[in-house]
C-alpha atoms as a PDB file:
ATOM      1  CA  UNK A   1     -87.162 -77.908  31.892  1.00  0.00           C
ATOM      2  CA  UNK A   2     -87.400 -76.555  35.056  1.00  0.00           C
ATOM      3  CA  UNK A   3     -88.456 -80.410  36.365  1.00  0.00           C
ATOM      4  CA  UNK A   4     -85.499 -81.391  34.951  1.00  0.00           C
ATOM      5  CA  UNK A   5     -83.301 -78.685  36.718  1.00  0.00           C
ATOM      6  CA  UNK A   6     -85.082 -79.450  39.629  1.00  0.00           C
ATOM      7  CA  UNK A   7     -84.796 -83.265  39.529  1.00  0.00           C
ATOM      8  CA  UNK A   8     -80.241 -82.609  38.485  1.00  0.00           C
ATOM      9  CA  UNK A   9     -79.742 -80.884  41.357  1.00  0.00           C
ATOM     10  CA  UNK A  10     -81.228 -82.988  43.935  1.00  0.00           C
ATOM     11  CA  UNK A  11     -78.729 -85.515  42.389  1.00  0.00           C
ATOM     12  CA  UNK A  12     -75.795 -82.915  41.958  1.00  0.00           C
ATOM     13  CA  UNK A  13     -76.478 -82.400  46.084  1.00  0.00           C
ATOM     14  CA  UNK A  14     -76.591 -86.198  46.936  1.00  0.00           C
ATOM     15  CA  UNK A  15     -73.688 -87.074  45.006  1.00  0.00           C
ATOM     16  CA  UNK A  16     -71.674 -85.057  46.800  1.00  0.00           C
ATOM     17  CA  UNK A  17     -72.568 -86.541  50.161  1.00  0.00           C
ATOM     18  CA  UNK A  18     -70.803 -89.784  48.328  1.00  0.00           C
ATOM     19  CA  UNK A  19     -68.353 -87.894  46.760  1.00  0.00           C
ATOM     20  CA  UNK A  20     -68.468 -88.340  43.392  1.00  0.00           C
ATOM     21  CA  UNK A  21     -67.222 -85.371  41.509  1.00  0.00           C
ATOM     22  CA  UNK A  22     -67.424 -86.704  38.361  1.00  0.00           C
ATOM     23  CA  UNK A  23     -70.063 -87.048  38.528  1.00  0.00           C
ATOM     24  CA  UNK A  24     -70.761 -83.354  39.452  1.00  0.00           C
ATOM     25  CA  UNK A  25     -69.377 -81.425  37.139  1.00  0.00           C
ATOM     26  CA  UNK A  26     -71.379 -83.708  34.566  1.00  0.00           C
ATOM     27  CA  UNK A  27     -74.883 -82.134  35.917  1.00  0.00           C
ATOM     28  CA  UNK A  28     -73.490 -78.802  36.379  1.00  0.00           C
ATOM     29  CA  UNK A  29     -72.591 -78.383  32.793  1.00  0.00           C
ATOM     30  CA  UNK A  30     -76.200 -80.315  31.504  1.00  0.00           C
ATOM     31  CA  UNK A  31     -77.800 -76.952  34.490  1.00  0.00           C
ATOM     32  CA  UNK A  32     -75.461 -74.578  31.962  1.00  0.00           C
ATOM     33  CA  UNK A  33     -76.904 -75.341  28.821  1.00  0.00           C
ATOM     34  CA  UNK A  34     -80.507 -75.091  30.351  1.00  0.00           C
ATOM     35  CA  UNK A  35     -79.446 -71.901  31.924  1.00  0.00           C
ATOM     36  CA  UNK A  36     -78.329 -70.721  28.905  1.00  0.00           C
ATOM     37  CA  UNK A  37     -81.460 -71.224  26.444  1.00  0.00           C
ATOM     38  CA  UNK A  38     -83.702 -70.451  29.154  1.00  0.00           C
ATOM     39  CA  UNK A  39     -82.078 -66.692  29.342  1.00  0.00           C
ATOM     40  CA  UNK A  40     -82.028 -67.030  25.517  1.00  0.00           C
ATOM     41  CA  UNK A  41     -85.360 -67.349  24.836  1.00  0.00           C
ATOM     42  CA  UNK A  42     -86.518 -65.037  28.119  1.00  0.00           C
ATOM     43  CA  UNK A  43     -84.004 -61.845  27.122  1.00  0.00           C
ATOM     44  CA  UNK A  44     -85.450 -61.631  23.668  1.00  0.00           C
ATOM     45  CA  UNK A  45     -82.273 -59.575  23.045  1.00  0.00           C
ATOM     46  CA  UNK A  46     -81.597 -57.356  19.428  1.00  0.00           C
ATOM     47  CA  UNK A  47     -78.868 -57.400  17.570  1.00  0.00           C
ATOM     48  CA  UNK A  48     -76.716 -55.451  18.745  1.00  0.00           C
ATOM     49  CA  UNK A  49     -77.791 -56.409  22.895  1.00  0.00           C
ATOM     50  CA  UNK A  50     -76.743 -60.194  22.145  1.00  0.00           C
ATOM     51  CA  UNK A  51     -72.752 -59.356  21.797  1.00  0.00           C
ATOM     52  CA  UNK A  52     -72.461 -57.854  24.784  1.00  0.00           C
ATOM     53  CA  UNK A  53     -74.812 -59.438  26.799  1.00  0.00           C
ATOM     54  CA  UNK A  54     -73.022 -62.891  26.566  1.00  0.00           C
ATOM     55  CA  UNK A  55     -69.900 -61.235  26.810  1.00  0.00           C
ATOM     56  CA  UNK A  56     -71.072 -59.678  30.233  1.00  0.00           C
ATOM     57  CA  UNK A  57     -73.058 -62.970  31.099  1.00  0.00           C
ATOM     58  CA  UNK A  58     -69.377 -65.291  30.400  1.00  0.00           C
ATOM     59  CA  UNK A  59     -67.272 -63.851  32.238  1.00  0.00           C
ATOM     60  CA  UNK A  60     -70.253 -63.039  35.482  1.00  0.00           C
ATOM     61  CA  UNK A  61     -70.603 -66.698  34.749  1.00  0.00           C
ATOM     62  CA  UNK A  62     -67.090 -67.926  35.396  1.00  0.00           C
ATOM     63  CA  UNK A  63     -66.534 -66.156  38.139  1.00  0.00           C
ATOM     64  CA  UNK A  64     -70.558 -67.279  39.569  1.00  0.00           C
ATOM     65  CA  UNK A  65     -68.977 -70.824  38.775  1.00  0.00           C
ATOM     66  CA  UNK A  66     -65.780 -70.127  41.529  1.00  0.00           C
ATOM     67  CA  UNK A  67     -68.689 -69.893  44.092  1.00  0.00           C
ATOM     68  CA  UNK A  68     -70.252 -72.227  43.185  1.00  0.00           C
ATOM     69  CA  UNK A  69     -67.007 -74.201  43.439  1.00  0.00           C
ATOM     70  CA  UNK A  70     -66.594 -72.803  47.007  1.00  0.00           C
ATOM     71  CA  UNK A  71     -70.022 -74.018  47.831  1.00  0.00           C
ATOM     72  CA  UNK A  72     -69.227 -77.180  46.722  1.00  0.00           C
ATOM     73  CA  UNK A  73     -66.312 -77.134  49.178  1.00  0.00           C
ATOM     74  CA  UNK A  74     -68.363 -75.901  52.280  1.00  0.00           C
ATOM     75  CA  UNK A  75     -71.015 -78.264  50.918  1.00  0.00           C
ATOM     76  CA  UNK A  76     -68.181 -81.412  51.954  1.00  0.00           C
ATOM     77  CA  UNK A  77     -67.168 -80.064  54.817  1.00  0.00           C
ATOM     78  CA  UNK A  78     -70.426 -80.270  56.360  1.00  0.00           C
ATOM     79  CA  UNK A  79     -71.501 -83.543  54.891  1.00  0.00           C
ATOM     80  CA  UNK A  80     -67.172 -84.630  56.789  1.00  0.00           C
ATOM     81  CA  UNK A  81     -69.062 -83.747  59.394  1.00  0.00           C
ATOM     82  CA  UNK A  82     -72.030 -83.570  59.962  1.00  0.00           C
ATOM     83  CA  UNK A  83     -72.007 -86.526  62.272  1.00  0.00           C
ATOM     84  CA  UNK A  84     -69.890 -85.252  64.291  1.00  0.00           C
ATOM     85  CA  UNK A  85     -70.876 -81.782  63.931  1.00  0.00           C
ATOM     86  CA  UNK A  86     -69.448 -79.515  67.189  1.00  0.00           C
ATOM     87  CA  UNK A  87     -70.520 -75.825  68.516  1.00  0.00           C
ATOM     88  CA  UNK A  88     -67.471 -74.637  66.923  1.00  0.00           C
ATOM     89  CA  UNK A  89     -67.696 -76.266  63.952  1.00  0.00           C
ATOM     90  CA  UNK A  90     -71.437 -75.287  63.369  1.00  0.00           C
ATOM     91  CA  UNK A  91     -70.196 -71.520  63.830  1.00  0.00           C
ATOM     92  CA  UNK A  92     -67.365 -72.056  61.291  1.00  0.00           C
ATOM     93  CA  UNK A  93     -69.390 -73.532  58.582  1.00  0.00           C
ATOM     94  CA  UNK A  94     -72.044 -70.525  59.238  1.00  0.00           C
ATOM     95  CA  UNK A  95     -69.634 -67.213  58.587  1.00  0.00           C
ATOM     96  CA  UNK A  96     -68.095 -69.736  55.697  1.00  0.00           C
ATOM     97  CA  UNK A  97     -71.842 -69.800  54.081  1.00  0.00           C
ATOM     98  CA  UNK A  98     -72.516 -66.052  55.161  1.00  0.00           C
ATOM     99  CA  UNK A  99     -69.472 -65.027  53.677  1.00  0.00           C
ATOM    100  CA  UNK A 100     -70.118 -67.166  50.683  1.00  0.00           C
ATOM    101  CA  UNK A 101     -73.645 -65.327  50.704  1.00  0.00           C
ATOM    102  CA  UNK A 102     -72.229 -61.831  51.007  1.00  0.00           C
ATOM    103  CA  UNK A 103     -69.290 -62.529  47.673  1.00  0.00           C
ATOM    104  CA  UNK A 104     -72.665 -63.609  45.416  1.00  0.00           C
ATOM    105  CA  UNK A 105     -73.781 -60.158  46.622  1.00  0.00           C
ATOM    106  CA  UNK A 106     -70.938 -58.136  45.084  1.00  0.00           C
ATOM    107  CA  UNK A 107     -70.516 -60.233  42.346  1.00  0.00           C
ATOM    108  CA  UNK A 108     -73.745 -59.215  40.849  1.00  0.00           C
ATOM    109  CA  UNK A 109     -73.726 -56.040  42.002  1.00  0.00           C
ATOM    110  CA  UNK A 110     -70.935 -55.736  39.700  1.00  0.00           C
ATOM    111  CA  UNK A 111     -71.814 -57.102  37.047  1.00  0.00           C
ATOM    112  CA  UNK A 112     -75.710 -55.292  37.134  1.00  0.00           C
ATOM    113  CA  UNK A 113     -73.594 -51.997  37.220  1.00  0.00           C
ATOM    114  CA  UNK A 114     -71.492 -53.302  33.885  1.00  0.00           C
ATOM    115  CA  UNK A 115     -75.210 -54.517  32.465  1.00  0.00           C
ATOM    116  CA  UNK A 116     -77.277 -50.934  33.170  1.00  0.00           C
ATOM    117  CA  UNK A 117     -74.224 -49.251  31.392  1.00  0.00           C
ATOM    118  CA  UNK A 118     -73.327 -51.384  28.341  1.00  0.00           C
ATOM    119  CA  UNK A 119     -76.846 -51.445  27.855  1.00  0.00           C
ATOM    120  CA  UNK A 120     -79.754 -50.788  29.895  1.00  0.00           C
ATOM    121  CA  UNK A 121     -80.870 -50.938  33.658  1.00  0.00           C
ATOM    122  CA  UNK A 122     -84.270 -52.544  32.443  1.00  0.00           C
ATOM    123  CA  UNK A 123     -81.912 -55.435  30.443  1.00  0.00           C
ATOM    124  CA  UNK A 124     -79.697 -55.554  33.496  1.00  0.00           C
ATOM    125  CA  UNK A 125     -82.660 -56.373  35.840  1.00  0.00           C
ATOM    126  CA  UNK A 126     -84.233 -57.721  33.490  1.00  0.00           C
ATOM    127  CA  UNK A 127     -81.528 -60.411  33.775  1.00  0.00           C
ATOM    128  CA  UNK A 128     -80.810 -60.570  37.586  1.00  0.00           C
ATOM    129  CA  UNK A 129     -84.129 -60.636  38.127  1.00  0.00           C
ATOM    130  CA  UNK A 130     -84.509 -64.037  35.919  1.00  0.00           C
ATOM    131  CA  UNK A 131     -81.201 -65.088  36.603  1.00  0.00           C
ATOM    132  CA  UNK A 132     -82.284 -64.924  40.754  1.00  0.00           C
ATOM    133  CA  UNK A 133     -85.317 -67.235  39.710  1.00  0.00           C
ATOM    134  CA  UNK A 134     -82.884 -69.759  38.604  1.00  0.00           C
ATOM    135  CA  UNK A 135     -80.485 -69.644  42.003  1.00  0.00           C
ATOM    136  CA  UNK A 136     -83.031 -69.819  43.651  1.00  0.00           C
ATOM    137  CA  UNK A 137     -84.697 -72.625  42.007  1.00  0.00           C
ATOM    138  CA  UNK A 138     -80.963 -74.188  42.661  1.00  0.00           C
ATOM    139  CA  UNK A 139     -80.703 -72.838  46.215  1.00  0.00           C
ATOM    140  CA  UNK A 140     -83.495 -74.429  47.583  1.00  0.00           C
ATOM    141  CA  UNK A 141     -82.631 -77.796  45.646  1.00  0.00           C
ATOM    142  CA  UNK A 142     -79.552 -78.012  47.090  1.00  0.00           C
ATOM    143  CA  UNK A 143     -80.784 -77.426  50.357  1.00  0.00           C
ATOM    144  CA  UNK A 144     -83.662 -79.487  50.308  1.00  0.00           C
ATOM    145  CA  UNK A 145     -80.692 -82.567  49.995  1.00  0.00           C
ATOM    146  CA  UNK A 146     -79.618 -81.345  53.373  1.00  0.00           C
ATOM    147  CA  UNK A 147     -79.639 -82.798  56.295  1.00  0.00           C
ATOM    148  CA  UNK A 148     -80.889 -79.909  58.889  1.00  0.00           C
ATOM    149  CA  UNK A 149     -77.952 -80.296  61.714  1.00  0.00           C
ATOM    150  CA  UNK A 150     -79.387 -82.518  64.849  1.00  0.00           C
END
């Protein structure tokens, strides 16, 4: 399954550079389905925990996907300016990237608190440990598909 996710994300990052947005959306939905399957298997939630967890998870994923849209826009901006990169544009893109990373961290903290309160800090920590591992795989694959600025 991890290999599928990595191959899928490589295609996603590559297709972004060529503007194939419909393809990106299709791949995103496949990754989300795999992510839910992984979370279901690893979290091993009780019948009482499940509804609370999955309701919170859907809210979190909805907000996280909006940040994914911002990231996609940032990658497209990078691709559009890759061959004509200036110091000013590089500074702008780096600033946007740092700001986006801050938003991701803030969102994770918000939902960690919600899950810790509704279920337990251990369950919340377990979920975010798993979520971070999955997102690191995604981030690594996307980053490895993007060329370094010359």
